[in-house]
C-alpha atoms as a PDB file:
ATOM      1  CA  MET A   1      59.336  83.261  35.300  1.00  0.00           C
ATOM      2  CA  THR A   2      57.370  80.031  36.702  1.00  0.00           C
ATOM      3  CA  ARG A   3      58.742  80.719  40.023  1.00  0.00           C
ATOM      4  CA  LEU A   4      57.653  84.603  40.007  1.00  0.00           C
ATOM      5  CA  LEU A   5      54.324  83.162  38.485  1.00  0.00           C
ATOM      6  CA  ALA A   6      53.733  80.820  41.460  1.00  0.00           C
ATOM      7  CA  ALA A   7      55.193  83.337  43.940  1.00  0.00           C
ATOM      8  CA  ALA A   8      52.428  85.882  42.504  1.00  0.00           C
ATOM      9  CA  SER A   9      49.639  83.140  42.723  1.00  0.00           C
ATOM     10  CA  ALA A  10      51.009  82.237  46.459  1.00  0.00           C
ATOM     11  CA  ALA A  11      50.685  85.774  46.934  1.00  0.00           C
ATOM     12  CA  VAL A  12      46.974  86.593  45.642  1.00  0.00           C
ATOM     13  CA  LEU A  13      45.702  83.679  47.051  1.00  0.00           C
ATOM     14  CA  LEU A  14      46.863  84.572  50.281  1.00  0.00           C
ATOM     15  CA  ALA A  15      46.384  88.403  50.241  1.00  0.00           C
ATOM     16  CA  VAL A  16      42.403  88.022  49.273  1.00  0.00           C
ATOM     17  CA  PRO A  17      41.286  86.136  52.683  1.00  0.00           C
ATOM     18  CA  ALA A  18      43.835  87.848  55.031  1.00  0.00           C
ATOM     19  CA  LEU A  19      42.707  91.417  53.721  1.00  0.00           C
ATOM     20  CA  MET A  20      39.180  90.045  54.790  1.00  0.00           C
ATOM     21  CA  ALA A  21      40.156  88.924  58.189  1.00  0.00           C
ATOM     22  CA  LEU A  22      42.149  92.027  58.723  1.00  0.00           C
ATOM     23  CA  PHE A  23      39.594  94.693  57.466  1.00  0.00           C
ATOM     24  CA  GLY A  24      36.269  93.191  56.593  1.00  0.00           C
ATOM     25  CA  GLY A  25      34.971  93.815  60.034  1.00  0.00           C
ATOM     26  CA  PHE A  26      35.058  97.316  59.285  1.00  0.00           C
ATOM     27  CA  VAL A  27      32.776  97.376  55.915  1.00  0.00           C
ATOM     28  CA  ALA A  28      30.729  94.820  57.186  1.00  0.00           C
ATOM     29  CA  GLY A  29      27.241  95.484  58.001  1.00  0.00           C
ATOM     30  CA  PRO A  30      25.376  93.831  61.302  1.00  0.00           C
ATOM     31  CA  ALA A  31      24.633  90.368  61.161  1.00  0.00           C
ATOM     32  CA  ASP A  32      21.390  89.971  62.034  1.00  0.00           C
ATOM     33  CA  SER A  33      18.684  87.614  61.067  1.00  0.00           C
ATOM     34  CA  LYS A  34      15.947  89.814  59.758  1.00  0.00           C
ATOM     35  CA  SER A  35      15.550  87.783  56.195  1.00  0.00           C
ATOM     36  CA  PRO A  36      14.105  84.740  55.481  1.00  0.00           C
ATOM     37  CA  PRO A  37      16.459  81.991  55.420  1.00  0.00           C
ATOM     38  CA  LEU A  38      18.195  80.699  52.542  1.00  0.00           C
ATOM     39  CA  MET A  39      17.766  83.378  49.675  1.00  0.00           C
ATOM     40  CA  PRO A  40      19.463  83.776  46.733  1.00  0.00           C
ATOM     41  CA  PRO A  41      21.529  86.285  45.819  1.00  0.00           C
ATOM     42  CA  ASP A  42      19.610  89.613  45.269  1.00  0.00           C
ATOM     43  CA  THR A  43      20.133  93.805  45.254  1.00  0.00           C
ATOM     44  CA  GLY A  44      19.876  93.572  49.332  1.00  0.00           C
ATOM     45  CA  HIS A  45      21.823  90.247  49.654  1.00  0.00           C
ATOM     46  CA  PRO A  46      24.593  90.096  47.205  1.00  0.00           C
ATOM     47  CA  LEU A  47      25.279  86.692  48.211  1.00  0.00           C
ATOM     48  CA  GLY A  48      21.978  85.753  49.419  1.00  0.00           C
ATOM     49  CA  THR A  49      21.108  84.396  53.171  1.00  0.00           C
ATOM     50  CA  ASP A  50      22.350  81.904  55.112  1.00  0.00           C
ATOM     51  CA  ALA A  51      20.467  79.147  56.948  1.00  0.00           C
ATOM     52  CA  LEU A  52      19.653  81.723  60.030  1.00  0.00           C
ATOM     53  CA  GLY A  53      18.696  84.299  57.653  1.00  0.00           C
ATOM     54  CA  ARG A  54      21.597  86.649  57.970  1.00  0.00           C
ATOM     55  CA  ASP A  55      23.394  88.168  55.059  1.00  0.00           C
ATOM     56  CA  VAL A  56      26.108  85.729  54.161  1.00  0.00           C
ATOM     57  CA  LEU A  57      28.635  88.713  52.639  1.00  0.00           C
ATOM     58  CA  ASP A  58      28.458  90.132  56.090  1.00  0.00           C
ATOM     59  CA  LEU A  59      29.170  86.931  57.348  1.00  0.00           C
ATOM     60  CA  VAL A  60      31.896  86.335  54.884  1.00  0.00           C
ATOM     61  CA  LEU A  61      33.847  90.060  55.559  1.00  0.00           C
ATOM     62  CA  THR A  62      33.486  89.380  59.130  1.00  0.00           C
ATOM     63  CA  GLY A  63      34.563  85.365  59.876  1.00  0.00           C
ATOM     64  CA  GLY A  64      37.914  85.727  58.865  1.00  0.00           C
ATOM     65  CA  ALA A  65      39.070  87.847  61.854  1.00  0.00           C
ATOM     66  CA  SER A  66      37.953  84.712  64.534  1.00  0.00           C
ATOM     67  CA  ILE A  67      40.159  81.863  62.273  1.00  0.00           C
ATOM     68  CA  ALA A  68      43.287  84.282  61.851  1.00  0.00           C
ATOM     69  CA  ALA A  69      43.234  85.039  65.271  1.00  0.00           C
ATOM     70  CA  LEU A  70      42.908  81.353  66.975  1.00  0.00           C
ATOM     71  CA  THR A  71      45.347  80.296  64.472  1.00  0.00           C
ATOM     72  CA  GLY A  72      47.776  83.160  65.015  1.00  0.00           C
ATOM     73  CA  LEU A  73      47.032  82.471  68.962  1.00  0.00           C
ATOM     74  CA  SER A  74      47.869  78.797  69.033  1.00  0.00           C
ATOM     75  CA  LEU A  75      51.000  79.060  67.004  1.00  0.00           C
ATOM     76  CA  LEU A  76      52.253  82.057  69.103  1.00  0.00           C
ATOM     77  CA  LEU A  77      51.450  80.246  72.591  1.00  0.00           C
ATOM     78  CA  SER A  78      53.112  76.742  70.937  1.00  0.00           C
ATOM     79  CA  TYR A  79      56.650  79.065  69.762  1.00  0.00           C
ATOM     80  CA  LEU A  80      56.647  80.931  73.151  1.00  0.00           C
ATOM     81  CA  ALA A  81      56.173  77.920  75.283  1.00  0.00           C
ATOM     82  CA  GLY A  82      58.464  75.315  72.579  1.00  0.00           C
ATOM     83  CA  VAL A  83      61.301  77.350  71.953  1.00  0.00           C
ATOM     84  CA  PRO A  84      62.732  78.030  75.567  1.00  0.00           C
ATOM     85  CA  LEU A  85      61.853  74.323  76.222  1.00  0.00           C
ATOM     86  CA  GLY A  86      63.954  73.221  73.472  1.00  0.00           C
ATOM     87  CA  LEU A  87      66.400  75.474  74.024  1.00  0.00           C
ATOM     88  CA  LEU A  88      66.833  74.064  77.631  1.00  0.00           C
ATOM     89  CA  VAL A  89      66.674  70.445  76.218  1.00  0.00           C
ATOM     90  CA  ALA A  90      69.427  70.959  74.224  1.00  0.00           C
ATOM     91  CA  GLY A  91      71.591  72.405  77.103  1.00  0.00           C
ATOM     92  CA  ALA A  92      70.759  69.925  79.746  1.00  0.00           C
ATOM     93  CA  ARG A  93      73.627  68.404  81.559  1.00  0.00           C
ATOM     94  CA  SER A  94      71.659  65.502  82.255  1.00  0.00           C
ATOM     95  CA  ARG A  95      70.991  62.672  79.818  1.00  0.00           C
ATOM     96  CA  TRP A  96      68.465  61.768  81.585  1.00  0.00           C
ATOM     97  CA  VAL A  97      66.350  64.659  81.928  1.00  0.00           C
ATOM     98  CA  SER A  98      66.615  65.551  78.279  1.00  0.00           C
ATOM     99  CA  GLY A  99      65.748  62.066  77.201  1.00  0.00           C
ATOM    100  CA  GLY A 100      62.604  61.719  79.377  1.00  0.00           C
ATOM    101  CA  LEU A 101      60.827  64.794  78.155  1.00  0.00           C
ATOM    102  CA  LEU A 102      61.734  64.235  75.029  1.00  0.00           C
ATOM    103  CA  ARG A 103      59.836  60.873  75.598  1.00  0.00           C
ATOM    104  CA  VAL A 104      57.101  62.423  77.147  1.00  0.00           C
ATOM    105  CA  LEU A 105      56.806  64.874  73.670  1.00  0.00           C
ATOM    106  CA  ASP A 106      57.001  61.841  71.480  1.00  0.00           C
ATOM    107  CA  PHE A 107      54.279  60.797  72.619  1.00  0.00           C
ATOM    108  CA  VAL A 108      52.072  63.924  72.264  1.00  0.00           C
ATOM    109  CA  LEU A 109      52.878  63.677  68.810  1.00  0.00           C
ATOM    110  CA  ALA A 110      52.271  60.641  67.959  1.00  0.00           C
ATOM    111  CA  LEU A 111      48.744  61.759  68.970  1.00  0.00           C
ATOM    112  CA  PRO A 112      46.359  62.455  66.098  1.00  0.00           C
ATOM    113  CA  GLY A 113      45.222  66.058  66.650  1.00  0.00           C
ATOM    114  CA  LEU A 114      41.693  65.858  65.254  1.00  0.00           C
ATOM    115  CA  LEU A 115      41.608  62.853  67.552  1.00  0.00           C
ATOM    116  CA  VAL A 116      42.397  64.808  70.817  1.00  0.00           C
ATOM    117  CA  LEU A 117      39.888  67.421  70.000  1.00  0.00           C
ATOM    118  CA  LEU A 118      36.968  64.892  69.501  1.00  0.00           C
ATOM    119  CA  VAL A 119      38.056  63.616  72.783  1.00  0.00           C
ATOM    120  CA  LEU A 120      37.965  66.775  74.795  1.00  0.00           C
ATOM    121  CA  ALA A 121      34.638  67.769  73.092  1.00  0.00           C
ATOM    122  CA  ALA A 122      33.284  64.489  74.106  1.00  0.00           C
ATOM    123  CA  VAL A 123      34.375  65.671  78.010  1.00  0.00           C
ATOM    124  CA  ASP A 124      32.809  68.785  77.315  1.00  0.00           C
ATOM    125  CA  TRP A 125      36.079  70.483  77.220  1.00  0.00           C
ATOM    126  CA  ARG A 126      35.485  72.744  74.132  1.00  0.00           C
ATOM    127  CA  GLY A 127      35.357  76.620  73.099  1.00  0.00           C
ATOM    128  CA  ALA A 128      37.744  79.015  71.738  1.00  0.00           C
ATOM    129  CA  PRO A 129      40.412  78.864  74.946  1.00  0.00           C
ATOM    130  CA  ALA A 130      40.789  75.300  75.239  1.00  0.00           C
ATOM    131  CA  LEU A 131      40.832  74.968  71.346  1.00  0.00           C
ATOM    132  CA  VAL A 132      44.194  77.032  71.471  1.00  0.00           C
ATOM    133  CA  LEU A 133      45.680  75.647  74.098  1.00  0.00           C
ATOM    134  CA  ALA A 134      44.982  71.761  72.619  1.00  0.00           C
ATOM    135  CA  ILE A 135      46.396  73.380  69.304  1.00  0.00           C
ATOM    136  CA  ALA A 136      49.291  74.718  70.953  1.00  0.00           C
ATOM    137  CA  VAL A 137      50.079  71.350  73.136  1.00  0.00           C
ATOM    138  CA  LEU A 138      50.014  69.497  69.683  1.00  0.00           C
ATOM    139  CA  GLN A 139      52.003  71.479  68.235  1.00  0.00           C
ATOM    140  CA  LEU A 140      54.803  71.890  71.079  1.00  0.00           C
ATOM    141  CA  PRO A 141      56.744  68.553  70.806  1.00  0.00           C
ATOM    142  CA  ALA A 142      57.499  69.377  67.033  1.00  0.00           C
ATOM    143  CA  VAL A 143      58.525  72.992  67.924  1.00  0.00           C
ATOM    144  CA  VAL A 144      60.890  71.894  71.154  1.00  0.00           C
ATOM    145  CA  ARG A 145      62.368  69.331  68.651  1.00  0.00           C
ATOM    146  CA  ILE A 146      63.235  72.078  65.716  1.00  0.00           C
ATOM    147  CA  ALA A 147      64.686  74.311  68.358  1.00  0.00           C
ATOM    148  CA  ARG A 148      66.587  71.613  70.077  1.00  0.00           C
ATOM    149  CA  SER A 149      67.940  70.492  66.367  1.00  0.00           C
ATOM    150  CA  ALA A 150      68.667  74.238  65.949  1.00  0.00           C
ATOM    151  CA  ALA A 151      71.188  74.260  69.159  1.00  0.00           C
ATOM    152  CA  LEU A 152      72.655  71.219  68.170  1.00  0.00           C
ATOM    153  CA  ALA A 153      73.867  72.493  65.133  1.00  0.00           C
ATOM    154  CA  PRO A 154      77.422  72.566  64.788  1.00  0.00           C
ATOM    155  CA  GLY A 155      78.049  75.907  64.562  1.00  0.00           C
ATOM    156  CA  CYS A 156      75.931  76.877  67.612  1.00  0.00           C
ATOM    157  CA  ARG A 157      77.883  73.834  69.536  1.00  0.00           C
ATOM    158  CA  ALA A 158      81.228  75.379  68.852  1.00  0.00           C
ATOM    159  CA  THR A 159      79.941  78.761  69.666  1.00  0.00           C
ATOM    160  CA  VAL A 160      78.955  77.230  73.249  1.00  0.00           C
ATOM    161  CA  GLU A 161      82.525  75.934  73.510  1.00  0.00           C
ATOM    162  CA  ALA A 162      84.072  79.160  73.034  1.00  0.00           C
ATOM    163  CA  LEU A 163      81.768  80.834  75.293  1.00  0.00           C
ATOM    164  CA  THR A 164      81.736  78.822  77.555  1.00  0.00           C
ATOM    165  CA  MET A 165      85.632  78.733  77.930  1.00  0.00           C
ATOM    166  CA  GLN A 166      85.182  82.597  77.955  1.00  0.00           C
ATOM    167  CA  GLY A 167      83.481  81.988  81.488  1.00  0.00           C
ATOM    168  CA  GLU A 168      79.434  83.188  80.397  1.00  0.00           C
ATOM    169  CA  SER A 169      77.019  82.151  82.423  1.00  0.00           C
ATOM    170  CA  TRP A 170      74.744  78.864  81.522  1.00  0.00           C
ATOM    171  CA  TRP A 171      71.768  80.841  80.904  1.00  0.00           C
ATOM    172  CA  ARG A 172      73.609  83.646  78.933  1.00  0.00           C
ATOM    173  CA  ILE A 173      75.260  80.900  76.273  1.00  0.00           C
ATOM    174  CA  HIS A 174      71.897  78.673  75.817  1.00  0.00           C
ATOM    175  CA  LEU A 175      69.096  81.157  76.297  1.00  0.00           C
ATOM    176  CA  GLY A 176      71.010  84.348  74.786  1.00  0.00           C
ATOM    177  CA  HIS A 177      73.438  83.188  71.726  1.00  0.00           C
ATOM    178  CA  VAL A 178      72.639  80.073  71.014  1.00  0.00           C
ATOM    179  CA  GLY A 179      68.740  81.205  70.824  1.00  0.00           C
ATOM    180  CA  ARG A 180      69.729  83.811  68.430  1.00  0.00           C
ATOM    181  CA  ALA A 181      71.081  81.185  66.373  1.00  0.00           C
ATOM    182  CA  ALA A 182      68.058  78.967  66.531  1.00  0.00           C
ATOM    183  CA  LEU A 183      65.685  82.075  65.265  1.00  0.00           C
ATOM    184  CA  GLY A 184      66.234  81.110  61.738  1.00  0.00           C
ATOM    185  CA  PRO A 185      65.488  77.722  61.462  1.00  0.00           C
ATOM    186  CA  VAL A 186      62.353  78.343  63.938  1.00  0.00           C
ATOM    187  CA  ALA A 187      60.688  81.049  61.777  1.00  0.00           C
ATOM    188  CA  THR A 188      61.196  78.908  58.681  1.00  0.00           C
ATOM    189  CA  ASP A 189      59.285  76.385  60.741  1.00  0.00           C
ATOM    190  CA  ALA A 190      56.821  78.756  61.829  1.00  0.00           C
ATOM    191  CA  GLY A 191      55.846  79.188  58.213  1.00  0.00           C
ATOM    192  CA  THR A 192      55.525  76.314  57.190  1.00  0.00           C
ATOM    193  CA  ARG A 193      53.657  74.728  60.706  1.00  0.00           C
ATOM    194  CA  LEU A 194      51.034  77.939  60.099  1.00  0.00           C
ATOM    195  CA  GLY A 195      49.371  75.660  57.322  1.00  0.00           C
ATOM    196  CA  LEU A 196      48.785  72.516  59.588  1.00  0.00           C
ATOM    197  CA  VAL A 197      47.677  74.912  62.274  1.00  0.00           C
ATOM    198  CA  LEU A 198      45.071  76.355  60.282  1.00  0.00           C
ATOM    199  CA  TYR A 199      43.492  73.062  59.018  1.00  0.00           C
ATOM    200  CA  LEU A 200      43.599  72.101  62.631  1.00  0.00           C
ATOM    201  CA  VAL A 201      41.729  75.021  63.757  1.00  0.00           C
ATOM    202  CA  ALA A 202      39.169  75.050  60.548  1.00  0.00           C
ATOM    203  CA  SER A 203      38.272  71.404  61.117  1.00  0.00           C
ATOM    204  CA  ALA A 204      37.946  71.930  64.605  1.00  0.00           C
ATOM    205  CA  ASN A 205      35.151  74.781  64.192  1.00  0.00           C
ATOM    206  CA  PHE A 206      33.582  72.836  60.988  1.00  0.00           C
ATOM    207  CA  LEU A 207      33.564  69.826  63.600  1.00  0.00           C
ATOM    208  CA  GLY A 208      31.497  72.102  66.051  1.00  0.00           C
ATOM    209  CA  LEU A 209      34.273  71.384  68.594  1.00  0.00           C
ATOM    210  CA  GLY A 210      35.741  75.339  68.773  1.00  0.00           C
ATOM    211  CA  LEU A 211      33.445  78.281  68.285  1.00  0.00           C
ATOM    212  CA  PRO A 212      29.721  78.434  69.065  1.00  0.00           C
ATOM    213  CA  PRO A 213      26.920  77.098  65.931  1.00  0.00           C
ATOM    214  CA  ALA A 214      26.202  81.054  65.681  1.00  0.00           C
ATOM    215  CA  SER A 215      29.308  82.191  64.883  1.00  0.00           C
ATOM    216  CA  SER A 216      30.345  84.011  61.666  1.00  0.00           C
ATOM    217  CA  ASP A 217      33.545  82.221  61.442  1.00  0.00           C
ATOM    218  CA  TRP A 218      33.956  80.670  57.541  1.00  0.00           C
ATOM    219  CA  ALA A 219      34.522  76.953  59.330  1.00  0.00           C
ATOM    220  CA  VAL A 220      31.572  77.344  61.226  1.00  0.00           C
ATOM    221  CA  LEU A 221      29.523  78.731  58.079  1.00  0.00           C
ATOM    222  CA  VAL A 222      30.386  75.859  56.039  1.00  0.00           C
ATOM    223  CA  GLU A 223      29.328  73.381  58.707  1.00  0.00           C
ATOM    224  CA  ARG A 224      26.007  75.293  59.462  1.00  0.00           C
ATOM    225  CA  ASN A 225      24.874  75.243  55.755  1.00  0.00           C
ATOM    226  CA  LYS A 226      26.287  71.948  54.530  1.00  0.00           C
ATOM    227  CA  GLU A 227      22.834  70.478  54.091  1.00  0.00           C
ATOM    228  CA  ALA A 228      21.526  73.702  52.239  1.00  0.00           C
ATOM    229  CA  LEU A 229      24.321  73.420  48.919  1.00  0.00           C
ATOM    230  CA  PHE A 230      22.031  72.939  46.273  1.00  0.00           C
ATOM    231  CA  LEU A 231      19.349  75.671  47.784  1.00  0.00           C
ATOM    232  CA  GLN A 232      21.931  78.538  48.676  1.00  0.00           C
ATOM    233  CA  PRO A 233      25.365  77.425  47.158  1.00  0.00           C
ATOM    234  CA  PHE A 234      26.987  80.831  48.116  1.00  0.00           C
ATOM    235  CA  ALA A 235      26.834  80.342  51.836  1.00  0.00           C
ATOM    236  CA  VAL A 236      29.042  77.310  51.629  1.00  0.00           C
ATOM    237  CA  LEU A 237      31.239  77.621  48.418  1.00  0.00           C
ATOM    238  CA  VAL A 238      32.572  81.228  49.395  1.00  0.00           C
ATOM    239  CA  PRO A 239      33.541  80.450  52.817  1.00  0.00           C
ATOM    240  CA  ALA A 240      34.885  77.082  51.950  1.00  0.00           C
ATOM    241  CA  GLY A 241      36.813  78.739  48.958  1.00  0.00           C
ATOM    242  CA  LEU A 242      38.584  81.671  51.407  1.00  0.00           C
ATOM    243  CA  LEU A 243      39.893  78.865  53.795  1.00  0.00           C
ATOM    244  CA  VAL A 244      40.970  76.987  50.933  1.00  0.00           C
ATOM    245  CA  ALA A 245      42.572  80.224  49.348  1.00  0.00           C
ATOM    246  CA  LEU A 246      44.164  80.796  52.807  1.00  0.00           C
ATOM    247  CA  CYS A 247      45.770  77.188  53.195  1.00  0.00           C
ATOM    248  CA  MET A 248      47.367  77.166  49.866  1.00  0.00           C
ATOM    249  CA  GLY A 249      48.472  80.884  50.056  1.00  0.00           C
ATOM    250  CA  VAL A 250      50.034  80.080  53.000  1.00  0.00           C
ATOM    251  CA  ASN A 251      51.836  76.773  51.784  1.00  0.00           C
ATOM    252  CA  LEU A 252      53.075  78.300  48.374  1.00  0.00           C
ATOM    253  CA  LEU A 253      54.037  80.742  49.993  1.00  0.00           C
ATOM    254  CA  ALA A 254      56.353  78.740  52.620  1.00  0.00           C
ATOM    255  CA  ASP A 255      57.462  76.467  49.691  1.00  0.00           C
ATOM    256  CA  GLN A 256      58.920  79.781  47.913  1.00  0.00           C
ATOM    257  CA  PHE A 257      60.488  80.877  50.744  1.00  0.00           C
ATOM    258  CA  LEU A 258      62.487  77.386  51.466  1.00  0.00           C
ATOM    259  CA  THR A 259      63.103  77.006  47.655  1.00  0.00           C
ATOM    260  CA  GLY A 260      64.889  80.426  48.064  1.00  0.00           C
ATOM    261  CA  ARG A 261      66.623  79.482  50.823  1.00  0.00           C
ATOM    262  CA  GLY A 262      68.243  76.629  49.136  1.00  0.00           C
ATOM    263  CA  GLU A 263      68.956  78.334  46.342  1.00  0.00           C
ATOM    264  CA  VAL A 264      70.959  80.927  48.284  1.00  0.00           C
ATOM    265  CA  ARG A 265      72.848  78.108  50.614  1.00  0.00           C
ATOM    266  CA  SER A 266      73.572  76.465  47.044  1.00  0.00           C
END
């Protein structure tokens, strides 16, 4: 019963911001700045206006699409590059090549993510494409190690030995058969890594390292209106609450999934 309640709570926390990110743009009105700034809620503006005089409700309805797109693209790019690289490292014939590549990736893994984004912003390397690429590179070492560990599991090694004796090609063995066997651990890691990538994207936008200040992104809205928290709290608390709900929902659902897998295996 407790587990069912936790799963339901996680689903609700994730569903509300996710649905708004996917479909909010279809029902939102134009986010113009024709009204006075920092107006309290009224009949024309149910959540008031922000520091630029834009309707907060319309901004909230459209602000989830950007953070969802940036998070999804960053995560997808890291796995599209990391999984094949991890399989190649696991099947490399030369230990010097695989070891050298892992040492380089370990260096990237040791770098603090937000510090890297701040340095990139300091050299004027900012914007959505730069943010997606930087976060994907920061996640690459961990993804490579997950794919490599899955490919080096005892079951995979037995499959590799059997297929090698049958005369299968190296590429078909390591990128085909072993790759399919590694999909389970990789998918599990993607569910848990989604929360980390979402945190980095939101933090970067909050710090002004990603999207422009006039964007309706939830994190940008929090940063843009934080000075007026006590004058117009809805302009800050609503997008901040949606970000918290999205992060909590993703993490709780990932925990439920991992718990379920553990119980099934035991």
